[in-house]
């Protein structure tokens, strides 16, 4: 009786973390400018003055005097949200024949894939 060696010890399977979670390098737009959920297709939002926000104020005071006062300006601007969407079909046969380990990753992987496709398209949209 021989002992198992080499290919007898391991059955090849897909490396799901590499294949399913793949995302192109350098896709950082959502980290720099996070997606902000809005409740209306058009609306207004506040705009604060950057110069005031990052100005270094005089913070020292003499005993018995009031604290130095600062001011803050705010204006408003409007947005109009445009619709962008993609869909990804999975044949019913693929779902029926899928290993249990892939069920969650299939849907999560599809979401990541569609997000990546939408981000890639973002760069060619007019501003």
Protein backbone atom coordinates (compact mmCIF):
# COMPACT_ATOMS: atom_id res chain seq x y z
CA UNK A 1 0.00 0.00 0.00
CA UNK A 2 1.53 3.32 -1.08
CA UNK A 3 1.03 6.63 0.63
CA UNK A 4 -0.62 9.61 -1.09
CA UNK A 5 1.71 12.20 -2.56
CA UNK A 6 1.52 15.29 -4.74
CA UNK A 7 -1.77 15.67 -6.59
CA UNK A 8 -3.42 13.02 -4.42
CA UNK A 9 -3.25 15.35 -1.42
CA UNK A 10 -4.97 18.35 -2.95
CA UNK A 11 -7.79 18.84 -5.44
CA UNK A 12 -7.32 22.05 -7.46
CA UNK A 13 -10.03 24.65 -6.99
CA UNK A 14 -10.41 28.27 -7.96
CA UNK A 15 -8.72 30.91 -5.81
CA UNK A 16 -11.94 32.79 -5.16
CA UNK A 17 -10.36 35.66 -3.21
CA UNK A 18 -8.13 36.52 -6.17
CA UNK A 19 -10.67 36.07 -8.94
CA UNK A 20 -13.84 37.36 -7.30
CA UNK A 21 -12.38 40.27 -5.34
CA UNK A 22 -10.28 41.62 -8.21
CA UNK A 23 -10.37 45.40 -8.60
CA UNK A 24 -8.13 47.42 -10.91
CA UNK A 25 -5.25 49.19 -9.16
CA UNK A 26 -5.56 52.91 -8.59
CA UNK A 27 -9.36 53.07 -8.26
CA UNK A 28 -9.45 55.53 -5.37
CA UNK A 29 -12.05 58.09 -6.45
CA UNK A 30 -14.61 56.80 -3.95
CA UNK A 31 -12.00 57.11 -1.17
CA UNK A 32 -11.17 60.73 -2.04
CA UNK A 33 -14.69 61.83 -2.93
CA UNK A 34 -17.07 59.48 -1.11
CA UNK A 35 -20.46 58.82 -2.61
CA UNK A 36 -22.99 60.94 -0.75
CA UNK A 37 -26.53 59.62 -0.61
CA UNK A 38 -29.22 62.17 -1.46
CA UNK A 39 -32.96 61.98 -0.98
CA UNK A 40 -34.07 64.12 -3.92
CA UNK A 41 -33.04 64.24 -7.58
CA UNK A 42 -32.39 67.98 -7.22
CA UNK A 43 -31.80 70.00 -4.07
CA UNK A 44 -29.52 72.54 -2.38
CA UNK A 45 -26.50 72.02 -0.13
CA UNK A 46 -24.45 74.34 2.11
CA UNK A 47 -21.07 75.67 0.96
CA UNK A 48 -18.56 76.80 3.58
CA UNK A 49 -15.68 79.19 2.93
CA UNK A 50 -12.42 77.17 2.88
CA UNK A 51 -10.37 80.24 3.76
CA UNK A 52 -12.31 80.64 6.99
CA UNK A 53 -12.27 76.94 7.80
CA UNK A 54 -8.47 76.67 7.56
CA UNK A 55 -7.57 80.12 8.90
CA UNK A 56 -5.40 80.03 12.02
CA UNK A 57 -7.11 82.18 14.62
CA UNK A 58 -5.64 84.12 17.51
CA UNK A 59 -6.51 81.95 20.50
CA UNK A 60 -4.71 83.59 23.43
CA UNK A 61 -6.52 86.01 25.73
CA UNK A 62 -5.74 88.13 28.76
CA UNK A 63 -7.05 87.15 32.17
CA UNK A 64 -10.59 88.25 32.78
CA UNK A 65 -11.35 89.03 29.14
CA UNK A 66 -13.74 87.29 26.80
CA UNK A 67 -12.59 84.66 24.34
CA UNK A 68 -11.80 85.87 20.83
CA UNK A 69 -14.80 85.48 18.53
CA UNK A 70 -14.69 83.83 15.13
CA UNK A 71 -17.22 83.98 12.33
CA UNK A 72 -18.31 81.55 9.70
CA UNK A 73 -19.79 82.32 6.28
CA UNK A 74 -22.04 79.91 4.47
CA UNK A 75 -23.73 80.04 1.09
CA UNK A 76 -25.59 77.42 -0.88
CA UNK A 77 -25.41 75.68 -4.22
CA UNK A 78 -27.60 73.22 -6.08
CA UNK A 79 -27.13 69.78 -7.54
CA UNK A 80 -29.00 67.71 -10.10
CA UNK A 81 -28.37 63.98 -9.80
CA UNK A 82 -28.15 62.06 -13.07
CA UNK A 83 -29.05 58.39 -13.36
CA UNK A 84 -26.35 55.85 -14.16
CA UNK A 85 -26.92 52.11 -13.88
CA UNK A 86 -25.62 48.75 -15.02
CA UNK A 87 -27.00 45.24 -14.55
CA UNK A 88 -25.27 41.87 -14.44
CA UNK A 89 -27.20 38.71 -15.27
CA UNK A 90 -26.42 35.34 -13.73
CA UNK A 91 -28.03 32.38 -15.48
CA UNK A 92 -30.32 30.34 -13.25
CA UNK A 93 -28.26 27.25 -14.10
CA UNK A 94 -25.11 28.88 -12.68
CA UNK A 95 -26.91 29.61 -9.41
CA UNK A 96 -28.31 26.08 -9.24
CA UNK A 97 -24.91 24.42 -9.88
CA UNK A 98 -22.80 26.73 -7.72
CA UNK A 99 -20.84 25.45 -4.72
CA UNK A 100 -22.13 26.77 -1.39
CA UNK A 101 -18.83 28.58 -0.76
CA UNK A 102 -19.43 30.77 -3.83
CA UNK A 103 -23.03 31.82 -3.15
CA UNK A 104 -22.27 34.94 -1.07
CA UNK A 105 -19.22 35.84 -3.12
CA UNK A 106 -21.18 35.67 -6.35
CA UNK A 107 -23.48 38.51 -5.33
CA UNK A 108 -20.78 40.52 -3.53
CA UNK A 109 -18.47 40.02 -6.50
CA UNK A 110 -21.15 41.18 -8.92
CA UNK A 111 -21.70 44.34 -6.88
CA UNK A 112 -17.95 45.10 -6.82
CA UNK A 113 -17.71 44.41 -10.57
CA UNK A 114 -20.58 46.77 -11.36
CA UNK A 115 -19.16 49.46 -9.04
CA UNK A 116 -15.81 49.21 -10.83
CA UNK A 117 -17.52 49.51 -14.23
CA UNK A 118 -19.46 52.57 -13.06
CA UNK A 119 -16.26 54.16 -11.69
CA UNK A 120 -14.45 53.55 -14.97
CA UNK A 121 -17.29 55.25 -16.84
CA UNK A 122 -17.17 58.18 -14.41
CA UNK A 123 -13.90 59.40 -15.91
CA UNK A 124 -15.35 59.89 -19.38
CA UNK A 125 -18.55 61.64 -18.30
CA UNK A 126 -18.73 65.38 -18.93
CA UNK A 127 -18.56 67.46 -15.77
